[in-house]
Structures are given as C-alpha cells and as structure tokens.
C-alpha cells in the first residue's frame, strides 16, 4: 500500500464514500465502460 498523504480521518471518509456510494452505483462496470453520462447520473 502506498504511503497516505491525507489524515487518517480523511482517508476513512474517502473509504466509506467508495464502499457505500461509488461501488454500489458503479462497481459492476469496468473503468473503460464508464462514460460521462454515468458520472452525471451518479452525481
């Protein structure tokens, strides 16, 4: 794992966002399949 450049609490908040928001919404897609419309819909 790379050295963290953010505080522990910031990292935990990022991790929580990824696990609870981003992965459920986009996690089954491959990166090259994600288009602008997917990002706009997500936001």
PDB file of N, CA and C in Angstrom:
ATOM      1  N   UNK A   1       0.849  -1.184   0.000  1.00  0.00           N
ATOM      2  CA  UNK A   1       0.000   0.000   0.000  1.00  0.00           C
ATOM      3  C   UNK A   1       0.886   1.235   0.000  1.00  0.00           C
ATOM      4  N   UNK A   2       0.457   2.246  -0.747  1.00  0.00           N
ATOM      5  CA  UNK A   2       1.224   3.492  -0.824  1.00  0.00           C
ATOM      6  C   UNK A   2       1.072   4.281   0.468  1.00  0.00           C
ATOM      7  N   UNK A   3       2.069   5.096   0.753  1.00  0.00           N
ATOM      8  CA  UNK A   3       2.024   5.940   1.942  1.00  0.00           C
ATOM      9  C   UNK A   3       0.879   6.938   1.815  1.00  0.00           C
ATOM     10  N   UNK A   4       0.092   7.069   2.872  1.00  0.00           N
ATOM     11  CA  UNK A   4      -1.024   8.001   2.889  1.00  0.00           C
ATOM     12  C   UNK A   4      -0.521   9.427   2.935  1.00  0.00           C
ATOM     13  N   UNK A   5      -1.149  10.296   2.163  1.00  0.00           N
ATOM     14  CA  UNK A   5      -0.795  11.705   2.157  1.00  0.00           C
ATOM     15  C   UNK A   5      -1.926  12.547   2.730  1.00  0.00           C
ATOM     16  N   UNK A   6      -2.901  11.885   3.350  1.00  0.00           N
ATOM     17  CA  UNK A   6      -4.016  12.572   3.997  1.00  0.00           C
ATOM     18  C   UNK A   6      -4.137  12.063   5.428  1.00  0.00           C
ATOM     19  N   UNK A   7      -4.848  12.801   6.246  1.00  0.00           N
ATOM     20  CA  UNK A   7      -5.048  12.384   7.633  1.00  0.00           C
ATOM     21  C   UNK A   7      -5.870  11.102   7.682  1.00  0.00           C
ATOM     22  N   UNK A   8      -5.737  10.375   8.766  1.00  0.00           N
ATOM     23  CA  UNK A   8      -6.470   9.123   8.935  1.00  0.00           C
ATOM     24  C   UNK A   8      -7.977   9.323   8.801  1.00  0.00           C
ATOM     25  N   UNK A   9      -8.504  10.395   9.396  1.00  0.00           N
ATOM     26  CA  UNK A   9      -9.954  10.616   9.333  1.00  0.00           C
ATOM     27  C   UNK A   9     -10.404  10.912   7.904  1.00  0.00           C
ATOM     28  N   UNK A  10      -9.588  11.636   7.154  1.00  0.00           N
ATOM     29  CA  UNK A  10      -9.910  11.923   5.754  1.00  0.00           C
ATOM     30  C   UNK A  10      -9.920  10.632   4.959  1.00  0.00           C
ATOM     31  N   UNK A  11      -8.917   9.797   5.170  1.00  0.00           N
ATOM     32  CA  UNK A  11      -8.840   8.523   4.472  1.00  0.00           C
ATOM     33  C   UNK A  11     -10.059   7.652   4.791  1.00  0.00           C
ATOM     34  N   UNK A  12     -10.452   7.607   6.058  1.00  0.00           N
ATOM     35  CA  UNK A  12     -11.617   6.804   6.453  1.00  0.00           C
ATOM     36  C   UNK A  12     -12.884   7.323   5.777  1.00  0.00           C
ATOM     37  N   UNK A  13     -13.030   8.649   5.672  1.00  0.00           N
ATOM     38  CA  UNK A  13     -14.195   9.223   4.997  1.00  0.00           C
ATOM     39  C   UNK A  13     -14.202   8.882   3.507  1.00  0.00           C
ATOM     40  N   UNK A  14     -13.039   8.951   2.856  1.00  0.00           N
ATOM     41  CA  UNK A  14     -12.937   8.577   1.443  1.00  0.00           C
ATOM     42  C   UNK A  14     -13.299   7.112   1.260  1.00  0.00           C
ATOM     43  N   UNK A  15     -12.760   6.271   2.132  1.00  0.00           N
ATOM     44  CA  UNK A  15     -13.001   4.826   2.049  1.00  0.00           C
ATOM     45  C   UNK A  15     -14.492   4.535   2.208  1.00  0.00           C
ATOM     46  N   UNK A  16     -15.126   5.192   3.157  1.00  0.00           N
ATOM     47  CA  UNK A  16     -16.561   4.997   3.391  1.00  0.00           C
ATOM     48  C   UNK A  16     -17.363   5.418   2.160  1.00  0.00           C
ATOM     49  N   UNK A  17     -17.002   6.541   1.551  1.00  0.00           N
ATOM     50  CA  UNK A  17     -17.706   7.009   0.352  1.00  0.00           C
ATOM     51  C   UNK A  17     -17.578   6.007  -0.785  1.00  0.00           C
ATOM     52  N   UNK A  18     -16.385   5.477  -0.967  1.00  0.00           N
ATOM     53  CA  UNK A  18     -16.160   4.491  -2.032  1.00  0.00           C
ATOM     54  C   UNK A  18     -16.978   3.234  -1.768  1.00  0.00           C
ATOM     55  N   UNK A  19     -16.924   2.726  -0.556  1.00  0.00           N
ATOM     56  CA  UNK A  19     -17.593   1.464  -0.229  1.00  0.00           C
ATOM     57  C   UNK A  19     -19.115   1.569  -0.205  1.00  0.00           C
ATOM     58  N   UNK A  20     -19.649   2.722   0.216  1.00  0.00           N
ATOM     59  CA  UNK A  20     -21.088   2.827   0.411  1.00  0.00           C
ATOM     60  C   UNK A  20     -21.825   3.594  -0.681  1.00  0.00           C
ATOM     61  N   UNK A  21     -21.096   4.329  -1.511  1.00  0.00           N
ATOM     62  CA  UNK A  21     -21.761   5.117  -2.558  1.00  0.00           C
ATOM     63  C   UNK A  21     -21.282   4.763  -3.958  1.00  0.00           C
ATOM     64  N   UNK A  22     -19.975   4.794  -4.160  1.00  0.00           N
ATOM     65  CA  UNK A  22     -19.444   4.624  -5.512  1.00  0.00           C
ATOM     66  C   UNK A  22     -19.532   3.174  -5.979  1.00  0.00           C
ATOM     67  N   UNK A  23     -19.052   2.242  -5.189  1.00  0.00           N
ATOM     68  CA  UNK A  23     -19.084   0.836  -5.594  1.00  0.00           C
ATOM     69  C   UNK A  23     -20.516   0.340  -5.815  1.00  0.00           C
ATOM     70  N   UNK A  24     -21.469   0.638  -4.919  1.00  0.00           N
ATOM     71  CA  UNK A  24     -22.830   0.183  -5.196  1.00  0.00           C
ATOM     72  C   UNK A  24     -23.412   0.748  -6.501  1.00  0.00           C
ATOM     73  N   UNK A  25     -23.026   1.958  -6.863  1.00  0.00           N
ATOM     74  CA  UNK A  25     -23.573   2.589  -8.064  1.00  0.00           C
ATOM     75  C   UNK A  25     -22.838   2.176  -9.335  1.00  0.00           C
ATOM     76  N   UNK A  26     -21.521   2.050  -9.273  1.00  0.00           N
ATOM     77  CA  UNK A  26     -20.731   1.835 -10.485  1.00  0.00           C
ATOM     78  C   UNK A  26     -19.840   0.601 -10.427  1.00  0.00           C
ATOM     79  N   UNK A  27     -19.861  -0.110  -9.340  1.00  0.00           N
ATOM     80  CA  UNK A  27     -18.904  -1.178  -9.094  1.00  0.00           C
ATOM     81  C   UNK A  27     -18.921  -2.359 -10.043  1.00  0.00           C
ATOM     82  N   UNK A  28     -20.030  -2.593 -10.730  1.00  0.00           N
ATOM     83  CA  UNK A  28     -20.100  -3.733 -11.651  1.00  0.00           C
ATOM     84  C   UNK A  28     -19.595  -3.375 -13.043  1.00  0.00           C
ATOM     85  N   UNK A  29     -19.269  -2.099 -13.239  1.00  0.00           N
ATOM     86  CA  UNK A  29     -18.800  -1.639 -14.551  1.00  0.00           C
ATOM     87  C   UNK A  29     -17.279  -1.628 -14.595  1.00  0.00           C
ATOM     88  N   UNK A  30     -16.735  -1.900 -15.774  1.00  0.00           N
ATOM     89  CA  UNK A  30     -15.297  -1.762 -15.984  1.00  0.00           C
ATOM     90  C   UNK A  30     -15.008  -0.282 -16.195  1.00  0.00           C
ATOM     91  N   UNK A  31     -13.818   0.143 -15.823  1.00  0.00           N
ATOM     92  CA  UNK A  31     -13.476   1.565 -15.928  1.00  0.00           C
ATOM     93  C   UNK A  31     -13.661   2.104 -17.340  1.00  0.00           C
ATOM     94  N   UNK A  32     -13.300   1.313 -18.341  1.00  0.00           N
ATOM     95  CA  UNK A  32     -13.430   1.803 -19.718  1.00  0.00           C
ATOM     96  C   UNK A  32     -14.875   1.834 -20.205  1.00  0.00           C
ATOM     97  N   UNK A  33     -15.802   1.312 -19.426  1.00  0.00           N
ATOM     98  CA  UNK A  33     -17.223   1.354 -19.767  1.00  0.00           C
ATOM     99  C   UNK A  33     -17.921   2.576 -19.176  1.00  0.00           C
ATOM    100  N   UNK A  34     -17.306   3.203 -18.187  1.00  0.00           N
ATOM    101  CA  UNK A  34     -17.926   4.350 -17.519  1.00  0.00           C
ATOM    102  C   UNK A  34     -17.764   5.586 -18.397  1.00  0.00           C
ATOM    103  N   UNK A  35     -18.895   6.176 -18.734  1.00  0.00           N
ATOM    104  CA  UNK A  35     -18.918   7.354 -19.603  1.00  0.00           C
ATOM    105  C   UNK A  35     -19.393   8.564 -18.806  1.00  0.00           C
ATOM    106  N   UNK A  36     -19.331   9.726 -19.411  1.00  0.00           N
ATOM    107  CA  UNK A  36     -19.712  10.970 -18.755  1.00  0.00           C
ATOM    108  C   UNK A  36     -21.130  10.881 -18.203  1.00  0.00           C
ATOM    109  N   UNK A  37     -22.030  10.310 -18.965  1.00  0.00           N
ATOM    110  CA  UNK A  37     -23.420  10.202 -18.529  1.00  0.00           C
ATOM    111  C   UNK A  37     -23.576   9.408 -17.235  1.00  0.00           C
ATOM    112  N   UNK A  38     -22.753   8.374 -17.065  1.00  0.00           N
ATOM    113  CA  UNK A  38     -22.799   7.590 -15.832  1.00  0.00           C
ATOM    114  C   UNK A  38     -22.391   8.463 -14.648  1.00  0.00           C
ATOM    115  N   UNK A  39     -21.350   9.242 -14.831  1.00  0.00           N
ATOM    116  CA  UNK A  39     -20.889  10.131 -13.760  1.00  0.00           C
ATOM    117  C   UNK A  39     -21.925  11.191 -13.424  1.00  0.00           C
ATOM    118  N   UNK A  40     -22.552  11.759 -14.459  1.00  0.00           N
ATOM    119  CA  UNK A  40     -23.579  12.766 -14.234  1.00  0.00           C
ATOM    120  C   UNK A  40     -24.780  12.171 -13.518  1.00  0.00           C
ATOM    121  N   UNK A  41     -25.170  10.976 -13.912  1.00  0.00           N
ATOM    122  CA  UNK A  41     -26.288  10.313 -13.261  1.00  0.00           C
ATOM    123  C   UNK A  41     -25.957   9.998 -11.800  1.00  0.00           C
ATOM    124  N   UNK A  42     -24.724   9.604 -11.560  1.00  0.00           N
ATOM    125  CA  UNK A  42     -24.299   9.278 -10.204  1.00  0.00           C
ATOM    126  C   UNK A  42     -24.378  10.494  -9.287  1.00  0.00           C
ATOM    127  N   UNK A  43     -23.889  11.627  -9.799  1.00  0.00           N
ATOM    128  CA  UNK A  43     -23.877  12.860  -9.004  1.00  0.00           C
ATOM    129  C   UNK A  43     -25.290  13.338  -8.801  1.00  0.00           C
TER     130      UNK A  43
END
